Amino acid sequence: MSKDQAKEQAAAVQAAAQQQMQVKWDDTNMKSSYANVCNVMSTREEVVMMFGVNQAWHAGQKEVTVQLTDRIILSPHAAKRLSLLLTNIVKQHEERFGQINIG
């Protein structure tokens, strides 16, 4: 078997293994949280997202306290995948329910 044939065979085996892999979602330890505020920071190695709740309902307040409840730390690669997923889900939402105005 030539080197090229061996590489092709290895690639075929890897592709078959990836197609057969199934992801099982284990939600036994999952918790749900509501957030209406998100802040994101990053370094070269990680992206940090902090979620919380702004309970200030009075317009014109000079100071607002946001109760932070959750922090999620991702690798930049995982953050990019999350960005793509969120972009797609927002697009689908707007197609179904109309434009979301954030201004």
N, C-alpha and C. Protein backbone atom coordinates (compact mmCIF):
# COMPACT_ATOMS: atom_id res chain seq x y z
N MET A 1 0.85 -1.17 0.00
CA MET A 1 0.00 0.00 0.00
C MET A 1 0.90 1.23 0.00
N SER A 2 0.61 2.18 -0.88
CA SER A 2 1.43 3.40 -0.97
C SER A 2 1.07 4.35 0.18
N LYS A 3 1.91 5.34 0.36
CA LYS A 3 1.67 6.32 1.43
C LYS A 3 0.38 7.09 1.17
N ASP A 4 0.12 7.42 -0.09
CA ASP A 4 -1.10 8.15 -0.42
C ASP A 4 -2.34 7.31 -0.13
N GLN A 5 -2.27 6.02 -0.46
CA GLN A 5 -3.40 5.14 -0.18
C GLN A 5 -3.62 4.99 1.32
N ALA A 6 -2.54 4.92 2.08
CA ALA A 6 -2.65 4.80 3.53
C ALA A 6 -3.27 6.06 4.12
N LYS A 7 -2.89 7.22 3.60
CA LYS A 7 -3.47 8.48 4.09
C LYS A 7 -4.96 8.55 3.76
N GLU A 8 -5.31 8.13 2.55
CA GLU A 8 -6.72 8.14 2.15
C GLU A 8 -7.54 7.18 3.02
N GLN A 9 -6.97 6.02 3.30
CA GLN A 9 -7.68 5.05 4.12
C GLN A 9 -7.84 5.57 5.55
N ALA A 10 -6.80 6.19 6.09
CA ALA A 10 -6.88 6.75 7.44
C ALA A 10 -7.92 7.85 7.49
N ALA A 11 -7.98 8.68 6.47
CA ALA A 11 -8.97 9.76 6.41
C ALA A 11 -10.37 9.19 6.34
N ALA A 12 -10.54 8.11 5.57
CA ALA A 12 -11.86 7.48 5.45
C ALA A 12 -12.31 6.88 6.78
N VAL A 13 -11.39 6.26 7.49
CA VAL A 13 -11.71 5.67 8.79
C VAL A 13 -12.09 6.77 9.78
N GLN A 14 -11.34 7.86 9.77
CA GLN A 14 -11.63 8.98 10.67
C GLN A 14 -12.99 9.58 10.34
N ALA A 15 -13.29 9.77 9.07
CA ALA A 15 -14.58 10.33 8.66
C ALA A 15 -15.73 9.41 9.09
N ALA A 16 -15.55 8.12 8.94
CA ALA A 16 -16.59 7.17 9.35
C ALA A 16 -16.80 7.22 10.86
N ALA A 17 -15.72 7.34 11.62
CA ALA A 17 -15.83 7.41 13.07
C ALA A 17 -16.57 8.67 13.49
N GLN A 18 -16.30 9.78 12.81
CA GLN A 18 -16.98 11.03 13.15
C GLN A 18 -18.46 10.95 12.83
N GLN A 19 -18.82 10.29 11.74
CA GLN A 19 -20.22 10.16 11.38
C GLN A 19 -20.97 9.28 12.36
N GLN A 20 -20.30 8.30 12.96
CA GLN A 20 -20.95 7.38 13.88
C GLN A 20 -21.04 7.94 15.29
N MET A 21 -20.27 8.97 15.62
CA MET A 21 -20.26 9.52 16.96
C MET A 21 -21.61 10.18 17.27
N GLN A 22 -22.15 9.86 18.41
CA GLN A 22 -23.38 10.46 18.87
C GLN A 22 -23.11 11.21 20.15
N VAL A 23 -23.72 12.37 20.29
CA VAL A 23 -23.58 13.17 21.50
C VAL A 23 -24.79 12.92 22.37
N LYS A 24 -24.54 12.58 23.63
CA LYS A 24 -25.63 12.40 24.59
C LYS A 24 -25.55 13.57 25.57
N TRP A 25 -26.64 14.27 25.74
CA TRP A 25 -26.70 15.43 26.62
C TRP A 25 -27.16 14.96 28.00
N ASP A 26 -26.31 15.10 28.99
CA ASP A 26 -26.64 14.71 30.37
C ASP A 26 -27.02 15.98 31.13
N ASP A 27 -28.29 16.15 31.41
CA ASP A 27 -28.77 17.36 32.08
C ASP A 27 -29.07 17.16 33.57
N THR A 28 -28.53 16.10 34.16
CA THR A 28 -28.83 15.81 35.55
C THR A 28 -28.31 16.88 36.50
N ASN A 29 -27.24 17.57 36.16
CA ASN A 29 -26.68 18.62 37.02
C ASN A 29 -26.90 20.02 36.47
N MET A 30 -27.75 20.14 35.48
CA MET A 30 -27.98 21.43 34.85
C MET A 30 -28.84 22.32 35.74
N LYS A 31 -28.55 23.61 35.69
CA LYS A 31 -29.40 24.59 36.36
C LYS A 31 -29.79 25.64 35.33
N SER A 32 -30.91 26.25 35.53
CA SER A 32 -31.39 27.30 34.64
C SER A 32 -31.30 28.63 35.35
N SER A 33 -30.88 29.64 34.63
CA SER A 33 -30.78 30.99 35.16
C SER A 33 -31.34 31.96 34.14
N TYR A 34 -31.91 33.05 34.63
CA TYR A 34 -32.38 34.11 33.75
C TYR A 34 -31.39 35.25 33.82
N ALA A 35 -31.09 35.86 32.69
CA ALA A 35 -30.22 37.04 32.66
C ALA A 35 -30.77 38.03 31.66
N ASN A 36 -30.74 39.31 32.02
CA ASN A 36 -31.08 40.36 31.07
C ASN A 36 -29.88 41.29 30.84
N VAL A 37 -28.73 40.89 31.39
CA VAL A 37 -27.49 41.64 31.21
C VAL A 37 -26.36 40.65 30.97
N CYS A 38 -25.49 40.99 30.03
CA CYS A 38 -24.32 40.16 29.76
C CYS A 38 -23.13 41.07 29.49
N ASN A 39 -22.00 40.75 30.07
CA ASN A 39 -20.76 41.48 29.82
C ASN A 39 -19.71 40.46 29.39
N VAL A 40 -18.88 40.83 28.44
CA VAL A 40 -17.89 39.90 27.91
C VAL A 40 -16.51 40.55 27.95
N MET A 41 -15.54 39.78 28.42
CA MET A 41 -14.14 40.20 28.43
C MET A 41 -13.32 39.08 27.83
N SER A 42 -12.11 39.39 27.38
CA SER A 42 -11.29 38.32 26.84
C SER A 42 -9.81 38.58 27.05
N THR A 43 -9.08 37.49 27.04
CA THR A 43 -7.63 37.51 26.99
C THR A 43 -7.25 36.66 25.79
N ARG A 44 -5.98 36.46 25.59
CA ARG A 44 -5.55 35.62 24.47
C ARG A 44 -6.05 34.19 24.63
N GLU A 45 -6.13 33.71 25.87
CA GLU A 45 -6.44 32.30 26.14
C GLU A 45 -7.90 32.01 26.41
N GLU A 46 -8.71 33.03 26.78
CA GLU A 46 -10.08 32.74 27.18
C GLU A 46 -11.01 33.92 26.93
N VAL A 47 -12.29 33.58 26.84
CA VAL A 47 -13.35 34.57 26.75
C VAL A 47 -14.24 34.36 27.97
N VAL A 48 -14.45 35.43 28.72
CA VAL A 48 -15.23 35.35 29.96
C VAL A 48 -16.54 36.11 29.76
N MET A 49 -17.64 35.40 29.97
CA MET A 49 -18.96 36.02 29.88
C MET A 49 -19.58 36.04 31.27
N MET A 50 -20.04 37.21 31.69
CA MET A 50 -20.70 37.34 32.98
C MET A 50 -22.16 37.71 32.74
N PHE A 51 -23.04 36.99 33.41
CA PHE A 51 -24.48 37.19 33.24
C PHE A 51 -25.08 37.66 34.55
N GLY A 52 -26.11 38.48 34.44
CA GLY A 52 -26.76 38.97 35.64
C GLY A 52 -28.12 39.54 35.34
N VAL A 53 -28.69 40.14 36.39
CA VAL A 53 -30.04 40.70 36.30
C VAL A 53 -30.00 42.15 36.74
N ASN A 54 -30.52 43.01 35.88
CA ASN A 54 -30.72 44.42 36.20
C ASN A 54 -32.17 44.55 36.65
N GLN A 55 -32.36 44.85 37.92
CA GLN A 55 -33.72 44.96 38.45
C GLN A 55 -34.16 46.40 38.61
N ALA A 56 -33.40 47.34 38.03
CA ALA A 56 -33.77 48.75 38.09
C ALA A 56 -34.81 49.04 37.02
N TRP A 57 -35.96 49.50 37.44
CA TRP A 57 -37.03 49.75 36.49
C TRP A 57 -37.35 51.23 36.36
N HIS A 58 -36.62 52.08 37.02
CA HIS A 58 -36.91 53.51 36.99
C HIS A 58 -36.00 54.21 35.99
N ALA A 59 -36.60 54.88 35.04
CA ALA A 59 -35.82 55.61 34.04
C ALA A 59 -35.10 56.79 34.71
N GLY A 60 -33.93 57.11 34.23
CA GLY A 60 -33.20 58.26 34.73
C GLY A 60 -32.39 58.02 35.99
N GLN A 61 -32.26 56.79 36.42
CA GLN A 61 -31.44 56.51 37.60
C GLN A 61 -29.99 56.85 37.29
N LYS A 62 -29.29 57.39 38.27
CA LYS A 62 -27.88 57.74 38.07
C LYS A 62 -26.96 56.56 38.30
N GLU A 63 -27.42 55.58 39.03
CA GLU A 63 -26.62 54.39 39.30
C GLU A 63 -27.51 53.16 39.25
N VAL A 64 -27.01 52.12 38.59
CA VAL A 64 -27.75 50.87 38.48
C VAL A 64 -26.85 49.76 38.98
N THR A 65 -27.37 48.91 39.84
CA THR A 65 -26.62 47.75 40.32
C THR A 65 -27.13 46.52 39.59
N VAL A 66 -26.20 45.79 38.98
CA VAL A 66 -26.53 44.55 38.30
C VAL A 66 -26.07 43.40 39.18
N GLN A 67 -26.98 42.52 39.54
CA GLN A 67 -26.65 41.35 40.35
C GLN A 67 -26.10 40.27 39.43
N LEU A 68 -24.78 40.04 39.48
CA LEU A 68 -24.18 39.00 38.65
C LEU A 68 -24.49 37.64 39.24
N THR A 69 -24.90 36.71 38.37
CA THR A 69 -25.30 35.40 38.84
C THR A 69 -24.47 34.25 38.27
N ASP A 70 -23.93 34.42 37.08
CA ASP A 70 -23.21 33.33 36.43
C ASP A 70 -22.02 33.87 35.64
N ARG A 71 -20.97 33.08 35.60
CA ARG A 71 -19.80 33.38 34.77
C ARG A 71 -19.48 32.13 33.97
N ILE A 72 -19.30 32.31 32.67
CA ILE A 72 -18.94 31.20 31.80
C ILE A 72 -17.62 31.56 31.12
N ILE A 73 -16.66 30.65 31.19
CA ILE A 73 -15.34 30.87 30.61
C ILE A 73 -15.18 29.90 29.45
N LEU A 74 -14.86 30.43 28.27
CA LEU A 74 -14.72 29.63 27.06
C LEU A 74 -13.34 29.83 26.44
N SER A 75 -12.91 28.84 25.68
CA SER A 75 -11.73 29.05 24.84
C SER A 75 -12.17 29.95 23.68
N PRO A 76 -11.23 30.66 23.05
CA PRO A 76 -11.62 31.47 21.89
C PRO A 76 -12.30 30.65 20.79
N HIS A 77 -11.87 29.41 20.59
CA HIS A 77 -12.50 28.57 19.57
C HIS A 77 -13.95 28.26 19.92
N ALA A 78 -14.21 27.93 21.18
CA ALA A 78 -15.58 27.66 21.61
C ALA A 78 -16.42 28.93 21.53
N ALA A 79 -15.82 30.08 21.84
CA ALA A 79 -16.54 31.36 21.76
C ALA A 79 -16.93 31.66 20.31
N LYS A 80 -16.06 31.35 19.37
CA LYS A 80 -16.39 31.59 17.97
C LYS A 80 -17.52 30.67 17.52
N ARG A 81 -17.50 29.41 17.94
CA ARG A 81 -18.60 28.51 17.61
C ARG A 81 -19.91 29.00 18.23
N LEU A 82 -19.85 29.49 19.47
CA LEU A 82 -21.03 30.04 20.12
C LEU A 82 -21.55 31.26 19.35
N SER A 83 -20.65 32.10 18.91
CA SER A 83 -21.03 33.26 18.12
C SER A 83 -21.79 32.87 16.87
N LEU A 84 -21.31 31.85 16.17
CA LEU A 84 -21.99 31.38 14.96
C LEU A 84 -23.37 30.81 15.29
N LEU A 85 -23.46 30.04 16.37
CA LEU A 85 -24.74 29.47 16.78
C LEU A 85 -25.74 30.57 17.14
N LEU A 86 -25.29 31.57 17.89
CA LEU A 86 -26.18 32.66 18.29
C LEU A 86 -26.62 33.49 17.08
N THR A 87 -25.71 33.74 16.16
CA THR A 87 -26.06 34.48 14.95
C THR A 87 -27.16 33.76 14.18
N ASN A 88 -27.02 32.44 14.05
CA ASN A 88 -28.03 31.66 13.32
C ASN A 88 -29.36 31.64 14.04
N ILE A 89 -29.36 31.48 15.36
CA ILE A 89 -30.63 31.38 16.08
C ILE A 89 -31.35 32.73 16.11
N VAL A 90 -30.61 33.83 16.19
CA VAL A 90 -31.24 35.16 16.14
C VAL A 90 -31.83 35.41 14.75
N LYS A 91 -31.12 35.00 13.72
CA LYS A 91 -31.64 35.14 12.35
C LYS A 91 -32.95 34.37 12.20
N GLN A 92 -32.99 33.13 12.70
CA GLN A 92 -34.22 32.32 12.62
C GLN A 92 -35.35 32.98 13.41
N HIS A 93 -35.03 33.51 14.58
CA HIS A 93 -36.04 34.17 15.42
C HIS A 93 -36.63 35.37 14.69
N GLU A 94 -35.77 36.18 14.09
CA GLU A 94 -36.25 37.37 13.39
C GLU A 94 -37.06 37.01 12.14
N GLU A 95 -36.71 35.91 11.49
CA GLU A 95 -37.51 35.47 10.34
C GLU A 95 -38.92 35.07 10.77
N ARG A 96 -39.03 34.49 11.95
CA ARG A 96 -40.33 34.04 12.45
C ARG A 96 -41.14 35.16 13.10
N PHE A 97 -40.45 36.03 13.89
CA PHE A 97 -41.17 36.96 14.75
C PHE A 97 -40.92 38.43 14.43
N GLY A 98 -40.03 38.72 13.49
CA GLY A 98 -39.76 40.11 13.14
C GLY A 98 -38.44 40.60 13.73
N GLN A 99 -38.01 41.72 13.21
CA GLN A 99 -36.73 42.33 13.57
C GLN A 99 -36.66 42.65 15.07
N ILE A 100 -35.52 42.38 15.68
CA ILE A 100 -35.27 42.73 17.08
C ILE A 100 -34.52 44.06 17.09
N ASN A 101 -35.11 45.05 17.72
CA ASN A 101 -34.46 46.37 17.81
C ASN A 101 -33.75 46.49 19.14
N ILE A 102 -32.47 46.80 19.10
CA ILE A 102 -31.71 46.94 20.34
C ILE A 102 -31.23 48.37 20.55
N GLY A 103 -31.68 49.28 19.74
CA GLY A 103 -31.24 50.67 19.83
C GLY A 103 -32.01 51.42 20.79
